[in-house]
Amino acid sequence: MIMHAGLRRRTLIGTDFTAPIRFLTSDINHQPSNTYKRSPMATIGIIGCGNISDIYLQAGGKFPILDIKACADIDLVRAQAQADKYAIRAMRVEDLLADPSIDIVVNLTIPGVHAEVDLSALHAGKSVYSEKPLALDRASGRQVLEVARAAGLHVGCAPDTFLGGGLQTCRKLIDDGVI
């Protein structure tokens, strides 16, 4: 599910597998939506170096518009292991957030801190893309979207299972006008 902070209604990606990449790179210079300055590359910093990070680090290399520069984790040994494996920089979380070369933070932390990490990234002037869920409660999710909207930044969140049974049911309910 991809959401722009300014949208009120959620939209499903459908079968357009390039939508997450277009979302991530639609405004990497953080300009208001009517004055985009597009750049050929979006620089990515990953926070959270657990098991799922391998998938993101491998997939990121398949898109020439993405440049994964660094990774961070509260466990610096884990971050360094991923950095060595993928030839990127390992950083402390606060250093990654302060790095002006990072445009987008990919949040792969545990669900309980997704909103907190997203808010920290947004306050640091970076758009965010988070693993599921966006937040543990509606109020925290709304806060993330409101902070992004006010800053002119973007928020994205991975779907639970892309085009799986749950999303297909949701899509049917939306298409049928139930939601």
Foldseek 3Di string as FASTA:
>chain_A
DFDFLPDDDDDAPPPPPCVVVCQQQVALVLDANVDGDGDQAAEEEEEDQPDCVVVVLVVQVVDSRYHDAAYEYCPQVSRVVVCVVNVHYYDHLVVVLQDPSHREYEYEHDQACLLVSLVSNLVSVHAYEYEPDNHPDPVSNNVSSVSCVVSSHTYHYDDPDRVDPVVVVVVVCVVVVVD
